[in-house]
Amino acid sequence: MEAIRKQASRLREQVARQQQAVLRQFGAYGDTDINMNNDAELRQHQKLEKLYISTRAAKHFQRDIVRGVEGYIVVGSKQVEIGTKMSEDSRKYGVQNTCTSGNALSKAASNFARARAQMEKECGNLLKALGTQVTEPLRAMVMGAPLEDARHLAQRYDRMRQDAEAQAFEVARRQAKVREGNDHPDLAFKLEAAEAKLKDLKSNVAVLGKEAAAALAAVEAQQQRLTLQRLIAMVEAERAYHQQVLQILDQLEGEMNFERQRIEAAPSPRVENISAPPSYGDVNGASTSPVQNGSTDSMGYFLGEVMYSYQAESDVELNLSIGDYIVVRKVSNNGWAEGECKGKAGWFPFGYIERRERVLASKTYPGFASAARKEHSPAAFHLQSVFAD
């Protein structure tokens, strides 16, 4: 429609110029005040036409941005939902499963779940920012009153200009009749009335043209400024989002590479250089009597997770399987530790375990907590606090 309107306006100007040329040729259009297509009026008309086209194009661009961002938000919200479900599934696996050969995958799954949840949170914040900082301001301007009011002024100007052009042609026609020598009194009266009407129209066209041009120029400036600001806001929001996600991924990559290195590392530490375990008076009893290579160091009761399997070489030693948990009661200064695992007490290489602060009760054998409770010591009772629900 705008292309047709523009073409029609050009055709009207062309026809008006041809009419003027014809009337001048016959000496009937000599008054330059009648001409609606003088230089000043043409410049005003061309300026308004350019402003109208410019504001229309900016309006369409703003609308395209709004539609694009709204589509991005819809798709992004679905991706956040999928990513959140993946995070929850990974978290459940990391909490509820421990492989007999180690817990590297469980840890990696937990780390992945945490990182995924953080990334989805950042994505959700980005989508909210795009909605409030980009789509809402642009939509308000596309649908706002200033743009529509300015466009209505320009359209009124265009209609009034067409009326003035038609009235100018009518005045020229009546002047031609008077100059032909027709002295009918009605012709002179009608010519005078037509000239007065043309004068009013030309005055109104000039005033309305200035108002429409000022309004469209103000809207154009606002469109340029606001649209650029919203584009910058969108770029800044996305840049901040990607920076946060990159930090999260860098941290996650380091954590998962560490777990991979643990899996690919040697299956067990070297123990050839440590001495035999201290003597153990009653392997399954509640007390110990280390007498070899000095004393034992009391570290308080704590939980240890077996990181490497170990095969006992005597009756006073414990068999260890990766993923088992041990109530560690004493640590000797010669590399051995004493504790209870799966209802049996004994010695084991201290380097084969890692200390743990919390452990799921579902990962322990029945009566695991009672191994510490039956010692009747403050450290033993404190051990109960490391069990998670």
Protein backbone atom coordinates (compact mmCIF):
# COMPACT_ATOMS: atom_id res chain seq x y z
CA MET A 1 0.00 0.00 0.00
CA GLU A 2 2.80 2.42 0.80
CA ALA A 3 4.43 1.78 -2.59
CA ILE A 4 1.13 2.43 -4.37
CA ARG A 5 0.61 5.58 -2.33
CA LYS A 6 4.09 6.84 -3.16
CA GLN A 7 3.59 6.13 -6.86
CA ALA A 8 0.22 7.89 -6.86
CA SER A 9 1.76 10.96 -5.24
CA ARG A 10 4.41 11.13 -7.93
CA LEU A 11 1.80 10.77 -10.65
CA ARG A 12 -0.24 13.63 -9.16
CA GLU A 13 2.82 15.86 -9.16
CA GLN A 14 3.54 14.94 -12.75
CA VAL A 15 -0.03 15.66 -13.83
CA ALA A 16 -0.02 18.97 -11.97
CA ARG A 17 3.18 20.06 -13.70
CA GLN A 18 1.71 19.14 -17.08
CA GLN A 19 -1.45 21.10 -16.30
CA GLN A 20 0.60 24.12 -15.35
CA ALA A 21 2.58 23.93 -18.57
CA VAL A 22 -0.60 23.75 -20.65
CA LEU A 23 -2.23 26.65 -18.85
CA ARG A 24 0.89 28.80 -19.13
CA GLN A 25 1.01 28.06 -22.87
CA PHE A 26 -2.47 29.56 -23.29
CA GLY A 27 -1.78 32.43 -20.91
CA ALA A 28 -4.22 31.26 -18.30
CA TYR A 29 -1.94 30.23 -15.40
CA GLY A 30 0.28 33.21 -15.07
CA ASP A 31 -0.23 33.89 -11.36
CA THR A 32 2.60 32.14 -9.52
CA ASP A 33 0.63 32.29 -6.25
CA ILE A 34 -1.82 29.77 -7.69
CA ASN A 35 0.91 27.20 -8.30
CA MET A 36 0.91 24.59 -5.54
CA ASN A 37 4.16 23.11 -6.76
CA ASN A 38 6.53 26.00 -6.04
CA ASP A 39 10.01 25.21 -4.72
CA ALA A 40 9.26 25.78 -1.03
CA GLU A 41 6.18 23.60 -1.10
CA LEU A 42 7.97 20.87 -3.04
CA ARG A 43 10.82 20.81 -0.53
CA GLN A 44 8.34 20.59 2.32
CA HIS A 45 6.50 17.76 0.60
CA GLN A 46 9.70 15.82 -0.17
CA LYS A 47 10.91 16.22 3.41
CA LEU A 48 7.65 14.86 4.79
CA GLU A 49 7.73 11.97 2.34
CA LYS A 50 11.25 10.99 3.45
CA LEU A 51 10.32 11.28 7.13
CA TYR A 52 7.23 9.17 6.58
CA ILE A 53 9.24 6.45 4.83
CA SER A 54 11.99 6.57 7.47
CA THR A 55 9.65 6.26 10.45
CA ARG A 56 7.70 3.50 8.74
CA ALA A 57 10.90 1.50 8.09
CA ALA A 58 12.06 2.02 11.70
CA LYS A 59 8.66 0.90 12.97
CA HIS A 60 8.88 -2.30 10.92
CA PHE A 61 12.44 -2.91 12.17
CA GLN A 62 11.35 -2.47 15.79
CA ARG A 63 8.47 -4.86 15.22
CA ASP A 64 10.83 -7.42 13.66
CA ILE A 65 13.15 -7.18 16.68
CA VAL A 66 10.22 -7.70 19.05
CA ARG A 67 9.00 -10.74 17.13
CA GLY A 68 12.50 -12.20 16.94
CA VAL A 69 13.22 -11.74 20.65
CA GLU A 70 9.80 -13.13 21.60
CA GLY A 71 10.51 -16.22 19.51
CA TYR A 72 13.94 -16.54 21.11
CA ILE A 73 12.34 -16.33 24.57
CA VAL A 74 9.83 -19.07 23.73
CA VAL A 75 12.52 -21.40 22.39
CA GLY A 76 14.93 -20.49 25.20
CA SER A 77 12.31 -21.23 27.86
CA LYS A 78 11.83 -24.70 26.42
CA GLN A 79 15.60 -25.24 26.39
CA VAL A 80 15.81 -24.15 30.02
CA GLU A 81 13.11 -26.66 30.89
CA ILE A 82 15.00 -29.46 29.12
CA GLY A 83 18.33 -28.46 30.67
CA THR A 84 16.79 -28.31 34.14
CA LYS A 85 15.41 -31.84 33.72
CA MET A 86 18.86 -33.05 32.62
CA SER A 87 20.41 -31.39 35.66
CA GLU A 88 17.95 -33.07 38.01
CA ASP A 89 18.53 -36.50 36.44
CA SER A 90 22.29 -36.08 36.76
CA ARG A 91 21.95 -34.98 40.37
CA LYS A 92 19.89 -38.04 41.25
CA TYR A 93 22.43 -40.37 39.68
CA GLY A 94 25.31 -38.68 41.48
CA VAL A 95 23.58 -38.94 44.84
CA GLN A 96 22.06 -42.39 44.58
CA ASN A 97 24.67 -44.43 42.70
CA THR A 98 28.23 -45.49 43.44
CA CYS A 99 30.06 -47.90 41.16
CA THR A 100 31.98 -50.75 42.82
CA SER A 101 35.14 -49.67 41.02
CA GLY A 102 34.95 -46.07 42.26
CA ASN A 103 32.79 -42.99 42.52
CA ALA A 104 34.39 -40.85 39.80
CA LEU A 105 31.28 -40.94 37.60
CA SER A 106 28.99 -40.11 40.50
CA LYS A 107 31.10 -37.08 41.35
CA ALA A 108 31.25 -36.03 37.73
CA ALA A 109 27.45 -36.38 37.46
CA SER A 110 26.95 -34.25 40.56
CA ASN A 111 29.32 -31.60 39.26
CA PHE A 112 27.59 -31.64 35.88
CA ALA A 113 24.19 -31.29 37.56
CA ARG A 114 25.37 -28.29 39.57
CA ALA A 115 26.94 -26.59 36.55
CA ARG A 116 23.91 -27.31 34.35
CA ALA A 117 21.58 -25.81 36.95
CA GLN A 118 23.74 -22.69 37.14
CA MET A 119 23.75 -22.32 33.35
CA GLU A 120 19.98 -22.71 33.12
CA LYS A 121 19.58 -20.09 35.83
CA GLU A 122 21.78 -17.71 33.86
CA CYS A 123 19.77 -18.44 30.71
CA GLY A 124 16.53 -17.71 32.55
CA ASN A 125 17.95 -14.38 33.73
CA LEU A 126 18.93 -13.57 30.14
CA LEU A 127 15.44 -14.28 28.84
CA LYS A 128 13.90 -12.07 31.52
CA ALA A 129 16.32 -9.26 30.67
CA LEU A 130 15.49 -9.51 26.97
CA GLY A 131 11.80 -9.31 27.75
CA THR A 132 11.96 -6.31 30.07
CA GLN A 133 14.83 -4.38 28.47
CA VAL A 134 14.20 -5.02 24.77
CA THR A 135 10.73 -6.19 23.79
CA GLU A 136 8.64 -4.09 26.18
CA PRO A 137 10.18 -0.67 25.31
CA LEU A 138 10.15 -1.37 21.57
CA ARG A 139 6.60 -2.68 21.59
CA ALA A 140 5.47 0.39 23.54
CA MET A 141 6.95 2.66 20.89
CA VAL A 142 5.57 0.68 17.96
CA MET A 143 2.09 0.90 19.45
CA GLY A 144 2.56 4.32 21.05
CA ALA A 145 0.65 7.52 20.40
CA PRO A 146 3.52 9.77 19.22
CA LEU A 147 4.21 7.69 16.11
CA GLU A 148 0.55 7.26 15.20
CA ASP A 149 -0.24 10.94 15.81
CA ALA A 150 2.65 12.06 13.61
CA ARG A 151 1.63 9.68 10.84
CA HIS A 152 -1.97 10.95 11.00
CA LEU A 153 -0.72 14.51 10.67
CA ALA A 154 1.28 13.55 7.59
CA GLN A 155 -1.75 11.83 6.08
CA ARG A 156 -3.94 14.88 6.76
CA TYR A 157 -1.32 17.05 5.12
CA ASP A 158 -1.29 14.80 2.07
CA ARG A 159 -5.10 14.94 1.71
CA MET A 160 -5.18 18.72 2.17
CA ARG A 161 -2.42 19.13 -0.36
CA GLN A 162 -4.43 17.15 -2.89
CA ASP A 163 -7.45 19.38 -2.20
CA ALA A 164 -5.27 22.48 -2.71
CA GLU A 165 -3.95 21.13 -6.01
CA ALA A 166 -7.49 20.47 -7.21
CA GLN A 167 -8.56 23.95 -6.07
CA ALA A 168 -5.58 25.54 -7.87
CA PHE A 169 -6.63 23.85 -11.08
CA GLU A 170 -10.23 25.10 -10.57
CA VAL A 171 -9.00 28.68 -10.09
CA ALA A 172 -6.88 28.44 -13.23
CA ARG A 173 -9.88 27.15 -15.19
CA ARG A 174 -12.10 30.00 -14.02
CA GLN A 175 -9.40 32.57 -14.77
CA ALA A 176 -9.18 31.22 -18.31
CA LYS A 177 -12.91 31.69 -18.80
CA VAL A 178 -12.77 35.27 -17.52
CA ARG A 179 -9.88 36.07 -19.85
CA GLU A 180 -11.80 34.68 -22.80
CA GLY A 181 -14.00 37.75 -22.52
CA ASN A 182 -17.00 36.23 -20.84
CA ASP A 183 -18.32 39.07 -18.66
CA HIS A 184 -20.97 37.09 -16.88
CA PRO A 185 -21.10 38.46 -13.30
CA ASP A 186 -21.34 34.99 -11.76
CA LEU A 187 -17.98 34.00 -13.25
CA ALA A 188 -16.14 36.82 -11.49
CA PHE A 189 -17.88 36.05 -8.21
CA LYS A 190 -17.10 32.35 -8.43
CA LEU A 191 -13.50 33.11 -9.36
CA GLU A 192 -13.11 35.33 -6.33
CA ALA A 193 -14.57 32.66 -4.05
CA ALA A 194 -12.31 29.99 -5.57
CA GLU A 195 -9.24 32.16 -5.10
CA ALA A 196 -10.15 32.81 -1.45
CA LYS A 197 -10.61 29.11 -0.83
CA LEU A 198 -7.28 28.34 -2.50
CA LYS A 199 -5.55 30.90 -0.33
CA ASP A 200 -6.95 29.32 2.83
CA LEU A 201 -5.97 25.85 1.66
CA LYS A 202 -2.43 26.92 0.85
CA SER A 203 -2.08 28.54 4.27
CA ASN A 204 -3.42 25.46 6.02
CA VAL A 205 -1.18 23.18 3.96
CA ALA A 206 1.90 25.19 4.95
CA VAL A 207 1.00 25.16 8.66
CA LEU A 208 0.02 21.49 8.70
CA GLY A 209 3.14 20.56 6.75
CA LYS A 210 5.38 22.19 9.35
CA GLU A 211 3.53 20.47 12.21
CA ALA A 212 3.69 17.07 10.53
CA ALA A 213 7.37 17.49 9.69
CA ALA A 214 8.24 18.48 13.26
CA ALA A 215 6.26 15.57 14.72
CA LEU A 216 7.77 13.02 12.33
CA ALA A 217 11.28 14.38 12.90
CA ALA A 218 10.85 14.02 16.67
CA VAL A 219 9.55 10.46 16.28
CA GLU A 220 12.38 9.58 13.91
CA ALA A 221 14.99 10.81 16.41
CA GLN A 222 13.33 8.85 19.22
CA GLN A 223 13.16 5.70 17.09
CA GLN A 224 16.84 5.93 16.21
CA ARG A 225 17.91 6.55 19.80
CA LEU A 226 15.66 3.99 21.49
CA THR A 227 16.24 1.20 18.98
CA LEU A 228 20.01 1.59 19.21
CA GLN A 229 19.86 1.59 23.01
CA ARG A 230 17.78 -1.59 23.05
CA LEU A 231 20.14 -3.33 20.62
CA ILE A 232 23.09 -2.40 22.84
CA ALA A 233 21.21 -3.67 25.90
CA MET A 234 20.55 -6.96 24.13
CA VAL A 235 24.21 -7.35 23.17
CA GLU A 236 25.37 -6.54 26.71
CA ALA A 237 22.91 -9.01 28.27
CA GLU A 238 23.96 -11.80 25.92
CA ARG A 239 27.64 -11.01 26.41
CA ALA A 240 27.30 -11.16 30.20
CA TYR A 241 25.38 -14.44 29.89
CA HIS A 242 28.03 -16.08 27.72
CA GLN A 243 30.81 -14.90 30.03
CA GLN A 244 29.06 -16.45 33.03
CA VAL A 245 28.43 -19.69 31.15
CA LEU A 246 32.07 -19.82 30.03
CA GLN A 247 33.25 -19.53 33.63
CA ILE A 248 30.90 -22.29 34.70
CA LEU A 249 32.04 -24.56 31.86
CA ASP A 250 35.71 -23.89 32.58
CA GLN A 251 35.23 -24.92 36.19
CA LEU A 252 33.20 -27.97 35.21
CA GLU A 253 35.81 -29.06 32.67
CA GLY A 254 38.53 -28.91 35.31
CA GLU A 255 36.46 -30.95 37.77
CA MET A 256 35.56 -33.61 35.21
CA ASN A 257 39.13 -33.87 33.92
CA PHE A 258 40.25 -34.44 37.50
CA GLU A 259 37.80 -37.34 37.83
CA ARG A 260 38.97 -38.75 34.51
CA GLN A 261 42.56 -38.64 35.68
CA ARG A 262 41.56 -40.53 38.80
CA ILE A 263 40.01 -43.27 36.67
CA GLU A 264 43.01 -43.44 34.37
CA ALA A 265 45.53 -43.35 37.23
CA ALA A 266 47.25 -46.43 38.64
CA PRO A 267 44.76 -48.77 40.30
CA SER A 268 46.42 -48.70 43.71
CA PRO A 269 49.22 -46.92 45.59
CA ARG A 270 52.55 -48.58 46.33
CA VAL A 271 52.71 -50.21 49.78
CA GLU A 272 55.95 -52.16 49.55
CA ASN A 273 57.81 -49.67 51.71
CA ILE A 274 55.46 -49.64 54.70
CA SER A 275 56.02 -52.03 57.55
CA ALA A 276 53.65 -54.70 58.76
CA PRO A 277 50.59 -53.49 60.66
CA PRO A 278 50.78 -53.19 64.43
CA SER A 279 49.66 -56.20 66.47
CA TYR A 280 45.98 -56.41 67.05
CA GLY A 281 44.93 -58.15 70.22
CA ASP A 282 41.30 -58.59 69.37
CA VAL A 283 40.48 -57.89 65.75
CA ASN A 284 36.73 -57.76 66.28
CA GLY A 285 36.90 -56.22 69.74
CA ALA A 286 36.41 -52.68 70.79
CA SER A 287 40.01 -51.97 71.88
CA THR A 288 43.43 -52.15 70.25
CA SER A 289 46.95 -52.54 71.59
CA PRO A 290 49.48 -51.38 69.00
CA VAL A 291 53.00 -52.26 70.12
CA GLN A 292 55.05 -52.14 66.92
CA ASN A 293 57.05 -49.23 65.55
CA GLY A 294 55.95 -46.74 68.11
CA SER A 295 52.48 -45.50 68.91
CA THR A 296 49.22 -44.75 67.16
CA ASP A 297 47.90 -41.24 66.61
CA SER A 298 44.38 -40.55 67.72
CA MET A 299 42.58 -38.38 65.18
CA GLY A 300 39.09 -38.91 66.59
CA TYR A 301 36.55 -41.12 64.88
CA PHE A 302 35.90 -40.20 61.25
CA LEU A 303 34.61 -41.74 58.06
CA GLY A 304 36.84 -42.87 55.27
CA GLU A 305 35.91 -43.88 51.72
CA VAL A 306 37.96 -46.64 50.09
CA MET A 307 39.62 -45.33 46.91
CA TYR A 308 41.69 -48.46 46.08
CA SER A 309 40.98 -52.10 46.71
CA TYR A 310 43.24 -54.02 49.11
CA GLN A 311 43.58 -57.74 49.79
CA ALA A 312 44.32 -58.61 53.43
CA GLU A 313 47.54 -60.56 54.01
CA SER A 314 46.86 -61.57 57.60
CA ASP A 315 43.99 -62.09 59.99
CA VAL A 316 44.47 -58.65 61.56
CA GLU A 317 44.03 -56.83 58.25
CA LEU A 318 40.86 -55.76 56.43
CA ASN A 319 39.85 -56.49 52.84
CA LEU A 320 38.98 -53.25 51.08
CA SER A 321 36.74 -52.70 48.06
CA ILE A 322 36.48 -49.41 46.21
CA GLY A 323 33.50 -47.43 47.42
CA ASP A 324 33.34 -49.03 50.88
CA TYR A 325 33.12 -46.77 53.93
CA ILE A 326 35.19 -47.35 57.07
CA VAL A 327 34.85 -46.03 60.59
CA VAL A 328 38.47 -45.05 61.21
CA ARG A 329 39.37 -45.28 64.86
CA LYS A 330 43.15 -45.00 64.96
CA VAL A 331 45.92 -44.00 62.57
CA SER A 332 49.42 -45.33 63.17
CA ASN A 333 52.54 -43.34 62.44
CA ASN A 334 53.84 -46.13 60.22
CA GLY A 335 51.18 -45.75 57.47
CA TRP A 336 48.52 -48.10 58.84
CA ALA A 337 45.11 -47.26 60.21
CA GLU A 338 42.65 -49.27 62.28
CA GLY A 339 38.90 -49.25 61.87
CA GLU A 340 35.74 -51.19 61.18
CA CYS A 341 34.13 -52.02 57.86
CA LYS A 342 31.14 -54.27 57.22
CA GLY A 343 31.12 -55.47 60.80
CA LYS A 344 34.79 -56.44 60.92
CA ALA A 345 37.63 -54.57 62.58
CA GLY A 346 41.23 -54.60 61.44
CA TRP A 347 44.21 -52.76 60.01
CA PHE A 348 44.53 -51.36 56.49
CA PRO A 349 46.89 -48.99 54.60
CA PHE A 350 45.83 -45.47 55.45
CA GLY A 351 46.72 -44.22 51.94
CA TYR A 352 43.96 -46.36 50.44
CA ILE A 353 41.13 -44.18 51.82
CA GLU A 354 40.00 -40.57 51.74
CA ARG A 355 38.33 -38.80 54.61
CA ARG A 356 34.64 -37.94 54.16
CA GLU A 357 32.49 -35.42 56.02
CA ARG A 358 29.10 -36.75 54.89
CA VAL A 359 27.80 -40.02 53.50
CA LEU A 360 24.35 -41.27 52.57
CA ALA A 361 22.97 -43.77 55.01
CA SER A 362 21.87 -45.85 52.00
CA LYS A 363 25.54 -46.34 51.08
CA THR A 364 26.45 -48.03 54.36
CA TYR A 365 25.80 -51.48 55.71
CA PRO A 366 23.20 -52.08 58.48
CA GLY A 367 24.69 -51.23 61.83
CA PHE A 368 27.36 -48.96 60.32
CA ALA A 369 26.50 -46.11 62.65
CA SER A 370 26.42 -48.46 65.64
CA ALA A 371 30.10 -49.24 65.09
CA ALA A 372 30.90 -45.82 66.41
CA ARG A 373 28.01 -45.60 68.88
CA LYS A 374 29.03 -48.69 70.81
CA GLU A 375 32.42 -47.15 71.68
CA HIS A 376 30.72 -44.83 74.20
CA SER A 377 33.04 -41.91 73.43
CA PRO A 378 32.23 -38.26 72.44
CA ALA A 379 34.05 -38.67 69.14
CA ALA A 380 32.10 -41.84 68.40
CA PHE A 381 28.74 -40.21 69.06
CA HIS A 382 29.77 -37.15 67.01
CA LEU A 383 30.30 -39.48 64.04
CA GLN A 384 26.55 -39.95 63.73
CA SER A 385 26.25 -36.36 62.43
CA VAL A 386 27.99 -37.21 59.14
CA PHE A 387 25.13 -39.39 57.95
CA ALA A 388 22.85 -37.72 55.41
CA ASP A 389 19.17 -38.50 55.00
